PDB file of N, CA and C in Angstrom:
ATOM      1  N   UNK A   1       0.842  -1.162   0.000  1.00  0.00           N
ATOM      2  CA  UNK A   1       0.000   0.000   0.000  1.00  0.00           C
ATOM      3  C   UNK A   1       0.892   1.231   0.000  1.00  0.00           C
ATOM      4  N   UNK A   2       0.942   1.962  -1.095  1.00  0.00           N
ATOM      5  CA  UNK A   2       1.716   3.196  -1.185  1.00  0.00           C
ATOM      6  C   UNK A   2       0.761   4.370  -1.010  1.00  0.00           C
ATOM      7  N   UNK A   3       1.081   5.218  -0.062  1.00  0.00           N
ATOM      8  CA  UNK A   3       0.209   6.368   0.205  1.00  0.00           C
ATOM      9  C   UNK A   3       1.047   7.623   0.328  1.00  0.00           C
ATOM     10  N   UNK A   4       0.389   8.763   0.211  1.00  0.00           N
ATOM     11  CA  UNK A   4       1.110  10.021   0.305  1.00  0.00           C
ATOM     12  C   UNK A   4       0.555  10.928   1.398  1.00  0.00           C
ATOM     13  N   UNK A   5      -0.472  10.482   2.140  1.00  0.00           N
ATOM     14  CA  UNK A   5      -0.982  11.288   3.254  1.00  0.00           C
ATOM     15  C   UNK A   5      -0.483  10.673   4.556  1.00  0.00           C
ATOM     16  N   UNK A   6      -1.269  10.599   5.586  1.00  0.00           N
ATOM     17  CA  UNK A   6      -0.846   9.989   6.847  1.00  0.00           C
ATOM     18  C   UNK A   6      -0.820   8.480   6.651  1.00  0.00           C
ATOM     19  N   UNK A   7       0.332   7.970   6.246  1.00  0.00           N
ATOM     20  CA  UNK A   7       0.478   6.578   5.829  1.00  0.00           C
ATOM     21  C   UNK A   7       0.072   5.574   6.897  1.00  0.00           C
ATOM     22  N   UNK A   8       0.491   5.782   8.113  1.00  0.00           N
ATOM     23  CA  UNK A   8       0.214   4.810   9.176  1.00  0.00           C
ATOM     24  C   UNK A   8      -1.275   4.781   9.499  1.00  0.00           C
ATOM     25  N   UNK A   9      -1.873   5.940   9.648  1.00  0.00           N
ATOM     26  CA  UNK A   9      -3.308   5.991   9.956  1.00  0.00           C
ATOM     27  C   UNK A   9      -4.123   5.379   8.822  1.00  0.00           C
ATOM     28  N   UNK A  10      -3.762   5.672   7.587  1.00  0.00           N
ATOM     29  CA  UNK A  10      -4.472   5.096   6.445  1.00  0.00           C
ATOM     30  C   UNK A  10      -4.306   3.581   6.404  1.00  0.00           C
ATOM     31  N   UNK A  11      -3.092   3.121   6.689  1.00  0.00           N
ATOM     32  CA  UNK A  11      -2.830   1.684   6.707  1.00  0.00           C
ATOM     33  C   UNK A  11      -3.604   0.965   7.786  1.00  0.00           C
ATOM     34  N   UNK A  12      -3.622   1.548   8.976  1.00  0.00           N
ATOM     35  CA  UNK A  12      -4.354   0.949  10.098  1.00  0.00           C
ATOM     36  C   UNK A  12      -5.850   0.860   9.764  1.00  0.00           C
ATOM     37  N   UNK A  13      -6.399   1.915   9.159  1.00  0.00           N
ATOM     38  CA  UNK A  13      -7.811   1.931   8.775  1.00  0.00           C
ATOM     39  C   UNK A  13      -8.119   0.835   7.748  1.00  0.00           C
ATOM     40  N   UNK A  14      -7.238   0.685   6.763  1.00  0.00           N
ATOM     41  CA  UNK A  14      -7.442  -0.343   5.740  1.00  0.00           C
ATOM     42  C   UNK A  14      -7.301  -1.739   6.334  1.00  0.00           C
ATOM     43  N   UNK A  15      -6.323  -1.936   7.231  1.00  0.00           N
ATOM     44  CA  UNK A  15      -6.110  -3.221   7.893  1.00  0.00           C
ATOM     45  C   UNK A  15      -7.386  -3.665   8.603  1.00  0.00           C
ATOM     46  N   UNK A  16      -7.999  -2.741   9.331  1.00  0.00           N
ATOM     47  CA  UNK A  16      -9.210  -3.066  10.082  1.00  0.00           C
ATOM     48  C   UNK A  16     -10.415  -3.250   9.160  1.00  0.00           C
ATOM     49  N   UNK A  17     -10.555  -2.378   8.167  1.00  0.00           N
ATOM     50  CA  UNK A  17     -11.709  -2.444   7.261  1.00  0.00           C
ATOM     51  C   UNK A  17     -11.733  -3.740   6.453  1.00  0.00           C
ATOM     52  N   UNK A  18     -10.553  -4.227   6.089  1.00  0.00           N
ATOM     53  CA  UNK A  18     -10.470  -5.436   5.281  1.00  0.00           C
ATOM     54  C   UNK A  18     -10.230  -6.693   6.116  1.00  0.00           C
ATOM     55  N   UNK A  19     -10.173  -6.529   7.446  1.00  0.00           N
ATOM     56  CA  UNK A  19      -9.971  -7.642   8.376  1.00  0.00           C
ATOM     57  C   UNK A  19      -8.731  -8.461   8.008  1.00  0.00           C
ATOM     58  N   UNK A  20      -7.604  -7.752   7.842  1.00  0.00           N
ATOM     59  CA  UNK A  20      -6.343  -8.386   7.450  1.00  0.00           C
ATOM     60  C   UNK A  20      -5.511  -8.745   8.672  1.00  0.00           C
ATOM     61  N   UNK A  21      -4.567  -9.652   8.485  1.00  0.00           N
ATOM     62  CA  UNK A  21      -3.613  -9.988   9.535  1.00  0.00           C
ATOM     63  C   UNK A  21      -2.453  -8.999   9.552  1.00  0.00           C
ATOM     64  N   UNK A  22      -2.080  -8.499   8.360  1.00  0.00           N
ATOM     65  CA  UNK A  22      -0.950  -7.585   8.242  1.00  0.00           C
ATOM     66  C   UNK A  22      -1.118  -6.765   6.979  1.00  0.00           C
ATOM     67  N   UNK A  23      -0.607  -5.551   7.041  1.00  0.00           N
ATOM     68  CA  UNK A  23      -0.531  -4.721   5.850  1.00  0.00           C
ATOM     69  C   UNK A  23       0.831  -4.034   5.869  1.00  0.00           C
ATOM     70  N   UNK A  24       1.400  -3.815   4.697  1.00  0.00           N
ATOM     71  CA  UNK A  24       2.690  -3.157   4.562  1.00  0.00           C
ATOM     72  C   UNK A  24       2.434  -1.740   4.052  1.00  0.00           C
ATOM     73  N   UNK A  25       2.896  -0.771   4.805  1.00  0.00           N
ATOM     74  CA  UNK A  25       2.704   0.629   4.440  1.00  0.00           C
ATOM     75  C   UNK A  25       4.009   1.193   3.903  1.00  0.00           C
ATOM     76  N   UNK A  26       3.916   1.804   2.749  1.00  0.00           N
ATOM     77  CA  UNK A  26       5.051   2.415   2.078  1.00  0.00           C
ATOM     78  C   UNK A  26       4.703   3.876   1.849  1.00  0.00           C
ATOM     79  N   UNK A  27       5.376   4.791   2.551  1.00  0.00           N
ATOM     80  CA  UNK A  27       5.151   6.220   2.351  1.00  0.00           C
ATOM     81  C   UNK A  27       5.948   6.645   1.119  1.00  0.00           C
ATOM     82  N   UNK A  28       5.258   6.802   0.006  1.00  0.00           N
ATOM     83  CA  UNK A  28       5.901   7.088  -1.278  1.00  0.00           C
ATOM     84  C   UNK A  28       6.540   8.470  -1.337  1.00  0.00           C
ATOM     85  N   UNK A  29       6.307   9.319  -0.353  1.00  0.00           N
ATOM     86  CA  UNK A  29       6.891  10.660  -0.361  1.00  0.00           C
ATOM     87  C   UNK A  29       8.252  10.710   0.336  1.00  0.00           C
ATOM     88  N   UNK A  30       8.626   9.635   1.002  1.00  0.00           N
ATOM     89  CA  UNK A  30       9.885   9.640   1.753  1.00  0.00           C
ATOM     90  C   UNK A  30      11.077   9.504   0.812  1.00  0.00           C
ATOM     91  N   UNK A  31      12.103  10.351   0.966  1.00  0.00           N
ATOM     92  CA  UNK A  31      13.294  10.242   0.116  1.00  0.00           C
ATOM     93  C   UNK A  31      13.959   8.871   0.248  1.00  0.00           C
ATOM     94  N   UNK A  32      14.338   8.286  -0.866  1.00  0.00           N
ATOM     95  CA  UNK A  32      15.012   6.994  -0.872  1.00  0.00           C
ATOM     96  C   UNK A  32      14.075   5.809  -0.803  1.00  0.00           C
ATOM     97  N   UNK A  33      12.774   6.078  -0.745  1.00  0.00           N
ATOM     98  CA  UNK A  33      11.785   5.012  -0.648  1.00  0.00           C
ATOM     99  C   UNK A  33      10.742   5.205  -1.736  1.00  0.00           C
ATOM    100  N   UNK A  34      10.049   4.124  -2.039  1.00  0.00           N
ATOM    101  CA  UNK A  34       8.967   4.230  -3.019  1.00  0.00           C
ATOM    102  C   UNK A  34       9.397   3.791  -4.403  1.00  0.00           C
ATOM    103  N   UNK A  35       8.935   4.509  -5.388  1.00  0.00           N
ATOM    104  CA  UNK A  35       9.138   4.118  -6.778  1.00  0.00           C
ATOM    105  C   UNK A  35      10.365   4.812  -7.373  1.00  0.00           C
ATOM    106  N   UNK A  36      11.022   4.150  -8.318  1.00  0.00           N
ATOM    107  CA  UNK A  36      12.146   4.747  -9.023  1.00  0.00           C
ATOM    108  C   UNK A  36      13.467   4.708  -8.282  1.00  0.00           C
ATOM    109  N   UNK A  37      13.533   4.021  -7.159  1.00  0.00           N
ATOM    110  CA  UNK A  37      14.781   3.863  -6.402  1.00  0.00           C
ATOM    111  C   UNK A  37      14.935   2.387  -6.018  1.00  0.00           C
ATOM    112  N   UNK A  38      16.140   2.012  -5.654  1.00  0.00           N
ATOM    113  CA  UNK A  38      16.420   0.610  -5.320  1.00  0.00           C
ATOM    114  C   UNK A  38      16.233   0.285  -3.845  1.00  0.00           C
ATOM    115  N   UNK A  39      15.861   1.277  -3.061  1.00  0.00           N
ATOM    116  CA  UNK A  39      15.681   1.069  -1.627  1.00  0.00           C
ATOM    117  C   UNK A  39      14.250   1.423  -1.236  1.00  0.00           C
ATOM    118  N   UNK A  40      13.887   0.994  -0.044  1.00  0.00           N
ATOM    119  CA  UNK A  40      12.563   1.297   0.459  1.00  0.00           C
ATOM    120  C   UNK A  40      12.587   1.242   1.980  1.00  0.00           C
ATOM    121  N   UNK A  41      11.643   1.939   2.582  1.00  0.00           N
ATOM    122  CA  UNK A  41      11.436   1.889   4.021  1.00  0.00           C
ATOM    123  C   UNK A  41       9.935   1.678   4.207  1.00  0.00           C
ATOM    124  N   UNK A  42       9.564   0.616   4.871  1.00  0.00           N
ATOM    125  CA  UNK A  42       8.152   0.301   5.053  1.00  0.00           C
ATOM    126  C   UNK A  42       7.863   0.086   6.529  1.00  0.00           C
ATOM    127  N   UNK A  43       6.576   0.151   6.845  1.00  0.00           N
ATOM    128  CA  UNK A  43       6.114  -0.173   8.187  1.00  0.00           C
ATOM    129  C   UNK A  43       5.120  -1.311   8.072  1.00  0.00           C
ATOM    130  N   UNK A  44       5.326  -2.344   8.875  1.00  0.00           N
ATOM    131  CA  UNK A  44       4.413  -3.476   8.914  1.00  0.00           C
ATOM    132  C   UNK A  44       3.412  -3.228  10.039  1.00  0.00           C
ATOM    133  N   UNK A  45       2.146  -3.240   9.700  1.00  0.00           N
ATOM    134  CA  UNK A  45       1.091  -3.078  10.697  1.00  0.00           C
ATOM    135  C   UNK A  45       0.419  -4.423  10.876  1.00  0.00           C
ATOM    136  N   UNK A  46       0.349  -4.895  12.111  1.00  0.00           N
ATOM    137  CA  UNK A  46      -0.237  -6.197  12.400  1.00  0.00           C
ATOM    138  C   UNK A  46      -1.584  -6.040  13.087  1.00  0.00           C
ATOM    139  N   UNK A  47      -2.405  -7.047  12.922  1.00  0.00           N
ATOM    140  CA  UNK A  47      -3.746  -7.065  13.511  1.00  0.00           C
ATOM    141  C   UNK A  47      -3.716  -6.812  15.022  1.00  0.00           C
ATOM    142  N   UNK A  48      -2.688  -7.321  15.697  1.00  0.00           N
ATOM    143  CA  UNK A  48      -2.616  -7.193  17.157  1.00  0.00           C
ATOM    144  C   UNK A  48      -2.207  -5.791  17.626  1.00  0.00           C
ATOM    145  N   UNK A  49      -2.067  -4.852  16.687  1.00  0.00           N
ATOM    146  CA  UNK A  49      -1.709  -3.486  17.033  1.00  0.00           C
ATOM    147  C   UNK A  49      -0.223  -3.201  17.005  1.00  0.00           C
ATOM    148  N   UNK A  50       0.589  -4.208  16.777  1.00  0.00           N
ATOM    149  CA  UNK A  50       2.039  -4.036  16.723  1.00  0.00           C
ATOM    150  C   UNK A  50       2.429  -3.401  15.388  1.00  0.00           C
ATOM    151  N   UNK A  51       3.246  -2.360  15.428  1.00  0.00           N
ATOM    152  CA  UNK A  51       3.800  -1.737  14.234  1.00  0.00           C
ATOM    153  C   UNK A  51       5.301  -1.989  14.235  1.00  0.00           C
ATOM    154  N   UNK A  52       5.840  -2.344  13.083  1.00  0.00           N
ATOM    155  CA  UNK A  52       7.278  -2.563  12.978  1.00  0.00           C
ATOM    156  C   UNK A  52       7.800  -1.780  11.787  1.00  0.00           C
ATOM    157  N   UNK A  53       8.573  -0.728  12.068  1.00  0.00           N
ATOM    158  CA  UNK A  53       9.151   0.060  10.992  1.00  0.00           C
ATOM    159  C   UNK A  53      10.498  -0.547  10.618  1.00  0.00           C
ATOM    160  N   UNK A  54      10.627  -0.918   9.364  1.00  0.00           N
ATOM    161  CA  UNK A  54      11.889  -1.451   8.873  1.00  0.00           C
ATOM    162  C   UNK A  54      12.782  -0.289   8.457  1.00  0.00           C
ATOM    163  N   UNK A  55      14.087  -0.436   8.598  1.00  0.00           N
ATOM    164  CA  UNK A  55      14.992   0.645   8.184  1.00  0.00           C
ATOM    165  C   UNK A  55      15.057   0.743   6.659  1.00  0.00           C
ATOM    166  N   UNK A  56      15.602   1.824   6.163  1.00  0.00           N
ATOM    167  CA  UNK A  56      15.834   1.968   4.728  1.00  0.00           C
ATOM    168  C   UNK A  56      16.798   0.876   4.301  1.00  0.00           C
ATOM    169  N   UNK A  57      16.393   0.075   3.329  1.00  0.00           N
ATOM    170  CA  UNK A  57      17.239  -1.031   2.871  1.00  0.00           C
ATOM    171  C   UNK A  57      16.871  -1.392   1.445  1.00  0.00           C
ATOM    172  N   UNK A  58      17.716  -2.202   0.773  1.00  0.00           N
ATOM    173  CA  UNK A  58      17.393  -2.624  -0.595  1.00  0.00           C
ATOM    174  C   UNK A  58      16.037  -3.330  -0.642  1.00  0.00           C
ATOM    175  N   UNK A  59      15.335  -3.142  -1.740  1.00  0.00           N
ATOM    176  CA  UNK A  59      13.987  -3.691  -1.866  1.00  0.00           C
ATOM    177  C   UNK A  59      13.949  -5.209  -1.724  1.00  0.00           C
ATOM    178  N   UNK A  60      14.989  -5.911  -2.159  1.00  0.00           N
ATOM    179  CA  UNK A  60      15.031  -7.361  -2.003  1.00  0.00           C
ATOM    180  C   UNK A  60      15.030  -7.739  -0.525  1.00  0.00           C
ATOM    181  N   UNK A  61      15.751  -6.978   0.298  1.00  0.00           N
ATOM    182  CA  UNK A  61      15.761  -7.236   1.740  1.00  0.00           C
ATOM    183  C   UNK A  61      14.408  -6.907   2.369  1.00  0.00           C
ATOM    184  N   UNK A  62      13.750  -5.870   1.866  1.00  0.00           N
ATOM    185  CA  UNK A  62      12.401  -5.542   2.346  1.00  0.00           C
ATOM    186  C   UNK A  62      11.470  -6.715   2.055  1.00  0.00           C
ATOM    187  N   UNK A  63      11.539  -7.235   0.840  1.00  0.00           N
ATOM    188  CA  UNK A  63      10.695  -8.367   0.467  1.00  0.00           C
ATOM    189  C   UNK A  63      10.970  -9.577   1.353  1.00  0.00           C
ATOM    190  N   UNK A  64      12.238  -9.856   1.624  1.00  0.00           N
ATOM    191  CA  UNK A  64      12.586 -10.974   2.506  1.00  0.00           C
ATOM    192  C   UNK A  64      12.006 -10.777   3.906  1.00  0.00           C
ATOM    193  N   UNK A  65      12.096  -9.560   4.416  1.00  0.00           N
ATOM    194  CA  UNK A  65      11.566  -9.274   5.756  1.00  0.00           C
ATOM    195  C   UNK A  65      10.053  -9.459   5.785  1.00  0.00           C
ATOM    196  N   UNK A  66       9.365  -9.004   4.747  1.00  0.00           N
ATOM    197  CA  UNK A  66       7.914  -9.169   4.677  1.00  0.00           C
ATOM    198  C   UNK A  66       7.559 -10.649   4.648  1.00  0.00           C
ATOM    199  N   UNK A  67       8.249 -11.421   3.823  1.00  0.00           N
ATOM    200  CA  UNK A  67       7.966 -12.857   3.743  1.00  0.00           C
ATOM    201  C   UNK A  67       8.255 -13.564   5.072  1.00  0.00           C
ATOM    202  N   UNK A  68       9.297 -13.131   5.774  1.00  0.00           N
ATOM    203  CA  UNK A  68       9.582 -13.705   7.098  1.00  0.00           C
ATOM    204  C   UNK A  68       8.405 -13.478   8.053  1.00  0.00           C
ATOM    205  N   UNK A  69       7.840 -12.257   8.025  1.00  0.00           N
ATOM    206  CA  UNK A  69       6.708 -11.956   8.904  1.00  0.00           C
ATOM    207  C   UNK A  69       5.474 -12.762   8.510  1.00  0.00           C
ATOM    208  N   UNK A  70       5.249 -12.900   7.206  1.00  0.00           N
ATOM    209  CA  UNK A  70       4.100 -13.714   6.727  1.00  0.00           C
ATOM    210  C   UNK A  70       4.268 -15.154   7.173  1.00  0.00           C
ATOM    211  N   UNK A  71       5.470 -15.680   7.052  1.00  0.00           N
ATOM    212  CA  UNK A  71       5.728 -17.056   7.481  1.00  0.00           C
ATOM    213  C   UNK A  71       5.441 -17.219   8.975  1.00  0.00           C
ATOM    214  N   UNK A  72       5.829 -16.238   9.778  1.00  0.00           N
ATOM    215  CA  UNK A  72       5.558 -16.273  11.209  1.00  0.00           C
ATOM    216  C   UNK A  72       4.050 -16.249  11.467  1.00  0.00           C
ATOM    217  N   UNK A  73       3.332 -15.381  10.745  1.00  0.00           N
ATOM    218  CA  UNK A  73       1.887 -15.304  10.918  1.00  0.00           C
ATOM    219  C   UNK A  73       1.199 -16.604  10.542  1.00  0.00           C
ATOM    220  N   UNK A  74       1.616 -17.211   9.456  1.00  0.00           N
ATOM    221  CA  UNK A  74       1.019 -18.475   9.012  1.00  0.00           C
ATOM    222  C   UNK A  74       1.346 -19.594   9.999  1.00  0.00           C
ATOM    223  N   UNK A  75       2.562 -19.611  10.501  1.00  0.00           N
ATOM    224  CA  UNK A  75       2.976 -20.642  11.452  1.00  0.00           C
ATOM    225  C   UNK A  75       2.248 -20.536  12.781  1.00  0.00           C
ATOM    226  N   UNK A  76       1.791 -19.325  13.115  1.00  0.00           N
ATOM    227  CA  UNK A  76       1.116 -19.121  14.376  1.00  0.00           C
ATOM    228  C   UNK A  76      -0.360 -19.460  14.372  1.00  0.00           C
ATOM    229  N   UNK A  77      -0.863 -19.891  13.248  1.00  0.00           N
ATOM    230  CA  UNK A  77      -2.298 -20.218  13.163  1.00  0.00           C
ATOM    231  C   UNK A  77      -2.584 -21.595  13.633  1.00  0.00           C
TER     232      UNK A  77
END
């Protein structure tokens, strides 16, 4: 989910409205993150209210971190 307004609040609202376990928020206005660059900084919002902001890192590492969290969520069911 790439947003340009209050990214966390918008993400939390969408997470609850769609009854999701997790949503990844990408603030497309942040320098070095978003589209057209090789790095990204995202925040993972979880159903339990936990937010985890990942540091600025290569997009492949962001993807690996997201998949690690999904694997944890699936394993916990």
